[in-house]
Amino acid sequence: MCPRPRNPLNARLPPNLSLHATGLYRYVHPLKKTHHYLGSDRQKAIEAALKLNALLLPANPLVDKIIRLEHKLSECIELFRREGTPERHWKPDTQELYKYRLNRINADLGHRSVESLTVKDCAEYLRDVTESLRGREQYRGALILVLEGAVREGWIPHNVGKATRVAKAERRRARLTLEAYRVIHGLAPTWLQNAMDLSLQTLLRRADICAMRFEDVREGYLYVVPRKTETTSYVRMKMRLENGLQVIIDRCRDGLASPYLVHRLPVKLPAHGKRAKAREHHLQVLPDDISRSFHRLVLLTGVDYGTALPPTFHEIRSLGGSLYREAGRTLQQVQALMGHSSAEMTRHYLEGHDAPWVEVRAGLTLSAQT
């Protein structure tokens, strides 16, 4: 605090305020030590100095502990980052997505009191943050997770984010039909055919297809731990080698010395030190290799999908799921094969495919009195 000159005219003035020789009251910024003149009116200068001191002087933690009644949303976000994120064991890509969304929410709403946040506030924010319905739902999910931490801390009684409208986005990506699958399969090289057939049979994601090793095939089973859920729902699968699965695995044994089921000879070997960090073996196929190759073949077929986006390799999962349903498998059996934690997620994957016909018995035997 800047000391004032010993002048009887400065008696009973607030800290940092003094009467200058010019007859004007002067305020000294407590941090920057800059001088600011507040005019000659004593009462107005005192009122201004009191307000400035309240804003600029360092806070007293003991006072804050007594009078503080609110928590900022930025504190909730920091709490979620510190305690909520680690317990979810997210993969790096998911962490990056949530990092971006949380940074955006913090920049837009971090200054707001979480106690005063209403359903209307959240709804208006989600409506304005992006025009994409899918994007709104993603921001809604992040906001709900942040506010859930505040509920558990006792800062707010309930999660107002959960009361907001669910943004139901229309599907923009076309489903992959069996006919289109066969055309793409006929154009694909052998290694991609193997990847496609494995995904269709097992309903596994491209990362799991790339990670399959010959050592995982033993005792008549294919052992799989889906990478997306290995640290969350802890799904562990062993698939009996029956029907077409054994044929596909046998086809993967093509004489090339690779530990991976799906592999290929590289077009050219990269220079020393230029190999992708994720590539452990020079014959290994990475998920992006599958996506790019599959996308090129989809475009090569010349199919017009209208306003919808062309199907990706991931669509093979939903196609396989629908084929299993047509073959008589129950929704629960398909859910287990897909490794979903809820039947609702499995239904979402099967949307857009024709529902299987269910055989029912009809016909009444009527008596003469009827």
Protein backbone atom coordinates (compact mmCIF):
# COMPACT_ATOMS: atom_id res chain seq x y z
CA MET A 1 0.00 0.00 0.00
CA CYS A 2 1.38 3.39 -1.02
CA PRO A 3 2.02 5.68 2.02
CA ARG A 4 0.37 9.11 1.93
CA PRO A 5 2.23 12.39 2.64
CA ARG A 6 1.84 13.59 6.19
CA ASN A 7 -0.78 16.25 5.58
CA PRO A 8 -3.68 17.05 7.94
CA LEU A 9 -5.92 17.38 4.86
CA ASN A 10 -5.35 13.66 4.19
CA ALA A 11 -6.88 12.66 7.54
CA ARG A 12 -9.62 10.05 7.33
CA LEU A 13 -9.09 9.44 3.63
CA PRO A 14 -9.23 5.84 2.35
CA PRO A 15 -5.93 4.08 1.61
CA ASN A 16 -4.25 5.13 -1.66
CA LEU A 17 -6.12 8.47 -1.78
CA SER A 18 -4.48 11.81 -0.98
CA LEU A 19 -5.02 15.52 -1.60
CA HIS A 20 -2.45 16.86 -4.04
CA ALA A 21 -0.93 20.35 -3.84
CA THR A 22 -3.00 21.31 -6.90
CA GLY A 23 -6.18 20.88 -4.86
CA LEU A 24 -7.14 17.69 -6.68
CA TYR A 25 -7.57 14.30 -5.06
CA ARG A 26 -5.13 11.73 -6.36
CA TYR A 27 -5.49 7.95 -6.32
CA VAL A 28 -2.43 5.67 -6.49
CA HIS A 29 -3.04 2.28 -8.11
CA PRO A 30 -2.06 -0.27 -5.38
CA LEU A 31 -0.47 -2.69 -7.90
CA LYS A 32 0.77 -0.57 -10.81
CA LYS A 33 1.68 2.46 -8.61
CA THR A 34 0.29 4.79 -11.26
CA HIS A 35 -1.35 8.12 -10.31
CA HIS A 36 -4.96 8.98 -11.23
CA TYR A 37 -6.67 12.30 -10.45
CA LEU A 38 -10.28 12.14 -9.23
CA GLY A 39 -11.21 15.82 -9.20
CA SER A 40 -11.71 18.27 -6.33
CA ASP A 41 -14.96 16.92 -4.82
CA ARG A 42 -13.89 15.22 -1.59
CA GLN A 43 -16.98 13.01 -1.16
CA LYS A 44 -16.93 11.72 -4.75
CA ALA A 45 -13.19 11.03 -4.55
CA ILE A 46 -13.66 9.04 -1.32
CA GLU A 47 -16.48 6.96 -2.85
CA ALA A 48 -14.40 6.24 -5.94
CA ALA A 49 -11.34 5.27 -3.87
CA LEU A 50 -13.38 2.87 -1.73
CA LYS A 51 -14.74 1.10 -4.82
CA LEU A 52 -11.29 0.95 -6.42
CA ASN A 53 -9.73 -0.50 -3.26
CA ALA A 54 -12.43 -3.19 -3.11
CA LEU A 55 -11.64 -4.20 -6.68
CA LEU A 56 -7.86 -3.86 -6.73
CA LEU A 57 -6.57 -4.75 -3.27
CA PRO A 58 -5.59 -8.44 -2.70
CA ALA A 59 -8.48 -10.53 -1.38
CA ASN A 60 -8.56 -11.58 2.25
CA PRO A 61 -8.99 -15.39 2.37
CA LEU A 62 -10.61 -15.27 5.80
CA VAL A 63 -13.23 -12.83 4.56
CA ASP A 64 -13.76 -14.84 1.39
CA LYS A 65 -14.38 -17.97 3.45
CA ILE A 66 -17.25 -16.28 5.27
CA ILE A 67 -18.95 -14.22 2.57
CA ARG A 68 -18.34 -16.34 -0.52
CA LEU A 69 -21.56 -17.92 -1.69
CA GLU A 70 -20.87 -18.77 -5.32
CA HIS A 71 -18.66 -21.00 -7.40
CA LYS A 72 -17.72 -20.17 -10.96
CA LEU A 73 -18.34 -22.64 -13.77
CA SER A 74 -14.60 -22.43 -14.48
CA GLU A 75 -14.04 -24.09 -11.07
CA CYS A 76 -16.38 -26.92 -12.06
CA ILE A 77 -14.47 -27.42 -15.30
CA GLU A 78 -11.16 -27.50 -13.45
CA LEU A 79 -12.63 -29.98 -10.95
CA PHE A 80 -13.76 -32.24 -13.79
CA ARG A 81 -10.35 -32.08 -15.46
CA ARG A 82 -8.61 -32.93 -12.22
CA GLU A 83 -10.91 -35.66 -10.87
CA GLY A 84 -13.54 -36.59 -13.46
CA THR A 85 -11.38 -37.11 -16.52
CA PRO A 86 -8.79 -39.58 -15.08
CA GLU A 87 -11.46 -41.98 -13.81
CA ARG A 88 -12.92 -42.32 -17.31
CA HIS A 89 -9.69 -43.66 -18.87
CA TRP A 90 -10.39 -41.97 -22.19
CA LYS A 91 -8.30 -42.71 -25.24
CA PRO A 92 -6.07 -39.84 -26.51
CA ASP A 93 -8.47 -38.92 -29.34
CA THR A 94 -11.41 -38.67 -26.94
CA GLN A 95 -9.33 -36.61 -24.52
CA GLU A 96 -8.50 -34.14 -27.28
CA LEU A 97 -12.16 -33.78 -28.25
CA TYR A 98 -13.25 -33.07 -24.69
CA LYS A 99 -10.30 -30.75 -24.14
CA TYR A 100 -11.49 -28.60 -27.05
CA ARG A 101 -15.12 -28.57 -25.88
CA LEU A 102 -14.21 -27.77 -22.27
CA ASN A 103 -11.93 -24.93 -23.38
CA ARG A 104 -14.78 -23.48 -25.43
CA ILE A 105 -17.31 -23.77 -22.58
CA ASN A 106 -14.80 -22.24 -20.18
CA ALA A 107 -14.18 -19.28 -22.50
CA ASP A 108 -17.92 -18.68 -23.00
CA LEU A 109 -19.41 -19.49 -19.58
CA GLY A 110 -16.47 -19.88 -17.19
CA HIS A 111 -17.20 -16.54 -15.50
CA ARG A 112 -20.80 -17.54 -14.67
CA SER A 113 -21.89 -18.58 -11.20
CA VAL A 114 -22.80 -22.26 -11.33
CA GLU A 115 -25.44 -21.71 -8.60
CA SER A 116 -27.24 -19.16 -10.78
CA LEU A 117 -27.05 -21.23 -13.99
CA THR A 118 -30.54 -22.20 -15.18
CA VAL A 119 -31.93 -24.66 -17.70
CA LYS A 120 -32.75 -21.66 -19.91
CA ASP A 121 -29.13 -20.46 -19.76
CA CYS A 122 -27.84 -23.89 -20.81
CA ALA A 123 -30.44 -24.28 -23.55
CA GLU A 124 -29.65 -20.87 -25.05
CA TYR A 125 -25.93 -21.55 -24.95
CA LEU A 126 -26.26 -24.94 -26.65
CA ARG A 127 -28.46 -23.39 -29.32
CA ASP A 128 -25.90 -20.66 -30.04
CA VAL A 129 -22.62 -22.55 -29.69
CA THR A 130 -22.96 -24.34 -33.06
CA GLU A 131 -25.49 -24.89 -35.83
CA SER A 132 -24.66 -28.60 -35.97
CA LEU A 133 -27.20 -30.72 -34.08
CA ARG A 134 -24.58 -33.38 -33.47
CA GLY A 135 -22.19 -30.70 -32.20
CA ARG A 136 -24.85 -29.40 -29.80
CA GLU A 137 -25.35 -32.87 -28.39
CA GLN A 138 -21.59 -33.23 -27.87
CA TYR A 139 -21.41 -29.90 -26.02
CA ARG A 140 -24.49 -30.90 -24.03
CA GLY A 141 -22.75 -34.11 -22.95
CA ALA A 142 -19.63 -32.23 -21.85
CA LEU A 143 -21.70 -29.66 -19.92
CA ILE A 144 -23.65 -32.42 -18.15
CA LEU A 145 -20.42 -34.11 -17.03
CA VAL A 146 -19.04 -30.82 -15.67
CA LEU A 147 -22.23 -29.97 -13.77
CA GLU A 148 -22.46 -33.52 -12.39
CA GLY A 149 -19.20 -32.88 -10.55
CA ALA A 150 -20.70 -29.72 -9.01
CA VAL A 151 -23.70 -31.76 -7.81
CA ARG A 152 -21.40 -34.28 -6.12
CA GLU A 153 -19.54 -31.45 -4.39
CA GLY A 154 -22.82 -30.06 -3.06
CA TRP A 155 -22.43 -26.77 -4.93
CA ILE A 156 -25.75 -27.19 -6.74
CA PRO A 157 -28.78 -29.38 -5.87
CA HIS A 158 -29.35 -30.85 -9.35
CA ASN A 159 -27.86 -30.97 -12.84
CA VAL A 160 -29.66 -28.38 -14.97
CA GLY A 161 -27.82 -29.60 -18.08
CA LYS A 162 -29.77 -32.88 -18.05
CA ALA A 163 -33.06 -30.99 -18.37
CA THR A 164 -32.09 -29.47 -21.73
CA ARG A 165 -33.49 -30.78 -24.99
CA VAL A 166 -31.62 -33.64 -26.66
CA ALA A 167 -30.49 -32.48 -30.11
CA LYS A 168 -31.65 -35.30 -32.37
CA ALA A 169 -29.59 -35.03 -35.53
CA GLU A 170 -30.73 -36.67 -38.75
CA ARG A 171 -28.34 -39.24 -40.09
CA ARG A 172 -26.17 -37.73 -42.84
CA ARG A 173 -24.01 -40.75 -43.67
CA ALA A 174 -25.46 -43.39 -45.97
CA ARG A 175 -25.75 -46.94 -44.73
CA LEU A 176 -23.68 -49.59 -46.47
CA THR A 177 -25.85 -52.12 -48.28
CA LEU A 178 -24.89 -55.74 -48.89
CA GLU A 179 -24.87 -55.09 -52.65
CA ALA A 180 -22.45 -52.16 -52.27
CA TYR A 181 -20.30 -54.25 -49.92
CA ARG A 182 -19.94 -56.95 -52.56
CA VAL A 183 -18.99 -54.45 -55.26
CA ILE A 184 -16.33 -52.80 -53.05
CA HIS A 185 -15.08 -56.22 -51.95
CA GLY A 186 -14.60 -57.24 -55.58
CA LEU A 187 -12.44 -54.16 -56.23
CA ALA A 188 -10.39 -54.45 -53.04
CA PRO A 189 -6.91 -56.01 -52.73
CA THR A 190 -6.68 -59.20 -50.69
CA TRP A 191 -5.51 -57.53 -47.47
CA LEU A 192 -8.50 -55.14 -47.53
CA GLN A 193 -10.87 -58.00 -48.37
CA ASN A 194 -9.59 -59.78 -45.27
CA ALA A 195 -10.15 -56.66 -43.17
CA MET A 196 -13.68 -56.20 -44.54
CA ASP A 197 -14.65 -59.83 -44.01
CA LEU A 198 -13.24 -59.89 -40.48
CA SER A 199 -15.22 -56.77 -39.59
CA LEU A 200 -18.41 -58.19 -41.12
CA GLN A 201 -18.04 -61.47 -39.21
CA THR A 202 -16.85 -60.12 -35.85
CA LEU A 203 -18.50 -56.63 -35.89
CA LEU A 204 -15.24 -55.20 -34.55
CA ARG A 205 -13.87 -51.71 -35.18
CA ARG A 206 -11.01 -51.03 -37.59
CA ALA A 207 -8.50 -50.54 -34.72
CA ASP A 208 -9.36 -54.01 -33.39
CA ILE A 209 -9.10 -55.52 -36.87
CA CYS A 210 -5.62 -54.02 -37.29
CA ALA A 211 -4.54 -55.30 -33.86
CA MET A 212 -5.56 -58.95 -34.40
CA ARG A 213 -2.57 -61.31 -34.19
CA PHE A 214 -2.21 -64.93 -35.15
CA GLU A 215 -1.28 -65.67 -31.54
CA ASP A 216 -4.84 -64.59 -30.57
CA VAL A 217 -6.16 -67.63 -32.48
CA ARG A 218 -5.92 -70.67 -30.22
CA GLU A 219 -7.94 -73.57 -28.84
CA GLY A 220 -10.59 -73.10 -31.50
CA TYR A 221 -11.29 -69.48 -30.56
CA LEU A 222 -10.30 -65.95 -31.54
CA TYR A 223 -9.54 -63.96 -28.37
CA VAL A 224 -10.27 -60.22 -28.53
CA VAL A 225 -10.19 -57.33 -26.07
CA PRO A 226 -11.82 -54.36 -27.87
CA ARG A 227 -9.49 -51.40 -27.51
CA LYS A 228 -12.22 -48.80 -27.10
CA THR A 229 -13.65 -50.51 -24.01
CA GLU A 230 -10.61 -52.24 -22.52
CA THR A 231 -10.33 -49.67 -19.69
CA THR A 232 -14.03 -48.86 -19.24
CA SER A 233 -16.50 -51.75 -19.57
CA TYR A 234 -13.66 -54.32 -19.64
CA VAL A 235 -15.26 -56.40 -22.42
CA ARG A 236 -13.32 -59.58 -23.21
CA MET A 237 -14.46 -61.81 -26.06
CA LYS A 238 -13.61 -65.26 -27.29
CA MET A 239 -15.23 -66.07 -30.61
CA ARG A 240 -15.65 -69.66 -31.69
CA LEU A 241 -14.00 -70.33 -35.05
CA GLU A 242 -17.04 -71.48 -36.96
CA ASN A 243 -18.78 -70.77 -40.24
CA GLY A 244 -16.85 -68.20 -42.29
CA LEU A 245 -14.53 -66.91 -39.57
CA GLN A 246 -12.11 -69.85 -39.79
CA VAL A 247 -12.03 -69.54 -43.61
CA ILE A 248 -11.06 -65.86 -43.38
CA ILE A 249 -8.31 -66.54 -40.86
CA ASP A 250 -6.93 -69.31 -43.05
CA ARG A 251 -6.91 -66.88 -45.97
CA CYS A 252 -4.87 -64.42 -43.88
CA ARG A 253 -2.07 -67.04 -43.69
CA ASP A 254 -0.58 -66.09 -47.03
CA GLY A 255 3.08 -66.91 -46.41
CA LEU A 256 4.18 -63.40 -45.45
CA ALA A 257 6.03 -63.32 -42.13
CA SER A 258 3.71 -61.02 -40.21
CA PRO A 259 2.32 -61.42 -36.69
CA TYR A 260 -0.88 -59.59 -37.73
CA LEU A 261 -3.87 -61.19 -39.45
CA VAL A 262 -4.36 -58.13 -41.68
CA HIS A 263 -1.08 -57.18 -43.32
CA ARG A 264 0.31 -56.09 -46.66
CA LEU A 265 3.57 -55.48 -48.45
CA PRO A 266 4.33 -51.75 -48.32
CA VAL A 267 4.48 -49.91 -51.63
CA LYS A 268 7.88 -48.63 -50.56
CA LEU A 269 9.81 -48.92 -47.34
CA PRO A 270 10.05 -45.57 -45.53
CA ALA A 271 13.45 -44.07 -44.82
CA HIS A 272 15.05 -44.82 -41.47
CA GLY A 273 13.26 -42.90 -38.74
CA LYS A 274 10.30 -42.03 -41.01
CA ARG A 275 8.11 -45.02 -40.07
CA ALA A 276 4.81 -44.12 -38.34
CA LYS A 277 5.20 -44.29 -34.56
CA ALA A 278 2.20 -46.63 -34.28
CA ARG A 279 3.64 -49.08 -36.82
CA GLU A 280 5.45 -51.85 -34.94
CA HIS A 281 6.03 -54.08 -37.98
CA HIS A 282 6.80 -53.13 -41.58
CA LEU A 283 3.92 -55.31 -42.85
CA GLN A 284 1.43 -53.91 -40.33
CA VAL A 285 -1.72 -52.13 -41.53
CA LEU A 286 -2.89 -49.08 -39.54
CA PRO A 287 -6.53 -47.95 -39.12
CA ASP A 288 -6.01 -44.92 -41.38
CA ASP A 289 -4.66 -47.22 -44.11
CA ILE A 290 -7.95 -49.12 -44.05
CA SER A 291 -10.09 -45.96 -44.05
CA ARG A 292 -8.26 -44.31 -46.94
CA SER A 293 -8.22 -47.44 -49.10
CA PHE A 294 -11.88 -48.20 -48.42
CA HIS A 295 -12.91 -44.59 -49.17
CA ARG A 296 -11.10 -44.64 -52.52
CA LEU A 297 -12.97 -47.78 -53.55
CA VAL A 298 -16.33 -46.35 -52.43
CA LEU A 299 -15.78 -43.37 -54.73
CA LEU A 300 -14.57 -45.69 -57.49
CA THR A 301 -17.91 -47.54 -57.51
CA GLY A 302 -19.59 -44.33 -58.71
CA VAL A 303 -22.66 -44.82 -56.51
CA ASP A 304 -24.64 -41.58 -56.05
CA TYR A 305 -25.55 -41.11 -52.39
CA GLY A 306 -27.31 -37.80 -52.99
CA THR A 307 -26.98 -35.38 -50.08
CA ALA A 308 -25.75 -38.13 -47.75
CA LEU A 309 -22.08 -38.77 -47.08
CA PRO A 310 -20.60 -41.97 -48.55
CA PRO A 311 -20.38 -44.93 -46.14
CA THR A 312 -17.12 -45.53 -44.31
CA PHE A 313 -15.42 -48.77 -43.25
CA HIS A 314 -17.11 -48.37 -39.85
CA GLU A 315 -20.48 -48.95 -41.56
CA ILE A 316 -19.54 -52.60 -42.01
CA ARG A 317 -20.33 -53.04 -38.30
CA SER A 318 -23.93 -51.95 -38.74
CA LEU A 319 -24.31 -54.00 -41.93
CA GLY A 320 -22.99 -57.09 -40.15
CA GLY A 321 -25.29 -56.45 -37.20
CA SER A 322 -28.34 -56.26 -39.47
CA LEU A 323 -27.30 -59.48 -41.24
CA TYR A 324 -27.02 -61.25 -37.87
CA ARG A 325 -30.52 -60.03 -36.98
CA GLU A 326 -31.85 -61.33 -40.31
CA ALA A 327 -30.19 -64.67 -39.54
CA GLY A 328 -32.23 -64.91 -36.34
CA ARG A 329 -29.86 -63.55 -33.71
CA THR A 330 -31.54 -61.59 -30.92
CA LEU A 331 -30.79 -57.92 -30.22
CA GLN A 332 -28.98 -58.98 -27.03
CA GLN A 333 -26.76 -61.40 -28.96
CA VAL A 334 -25.81 -58.71 -31.47
CA GLN A 335 -25.23 -56.27 -28.60
CA ALA A 336 -22.79 -58.73 -26.98
CA LEU A 337 -20.95 -59.21 -30.28
CA MET A 338 -20.65 -55.45 -30.79
CA GLY A 339 -19.45 -54.97 -27.22
CA HIS A 340 -22.07 -52.31 -26.46
CA SER A 341 -22.99 -51.52 -22.88
CA SER A 342 -26.62 -50.75 -23.81
CA ALA A 343 -29.19 -52.13 -26.22
CA GLU A 344 -30.03 -48.56 -27.21
CA MET A 345 -26.57 -48.11 -28.74
CA THR A 346 -27.02 -51.34 -30.71
CA ARG A 347 -30.39 -50.13 -32.01
CA HIS A 348 -28.67 -46.91 -33.13
CA TYR A 349 -26.21 -48.96 -35.18
CA LEU A 350 -29.01 -50.97 -36.77
CA GLU A 351 -31.09 -47.91 -37.74
CA GLY A 352 -31.40 -47.48 -41.48
CA HIS A 353 -31.33 -51.21 -42.21
CA ASP A 354 -34.48 -53.19 -42.84
CA ALA A 355 -35.82 -54.77 -39.67
CA PRO A 356 -36.04 -58.58 -39.84
CA TRP A 357 -39.41 -60.20 -40.53
CA VAL A 358 -40.85 -61.89 -37.44
CA GLU A 359 -42.89 -65.03 -37.99
CA VAL A 360 -46.18 -64.98 -36.09
CA ARG A 361 -49.19 -67.33 -36.08
CA ALA A 362 -52.57 -65.99 -37.10
CA GLY A 363 -55.99 -67.61 -37.60
CA LEU A 364 -58.91 -68.42 -35.35
CA THR A 365 -61.11 -71.49 -35.20
CA LEU A 366 -64.63 -70.18 -34.74
CA SER A 367 -67.45 -72.22 -33.25
CA ALA A 368 -70.90 -72.34 -34.77
CA GLN A 369 -72.33 -70.17 -31.97
CA THR A 370 -69.87 -67.35 -32.68
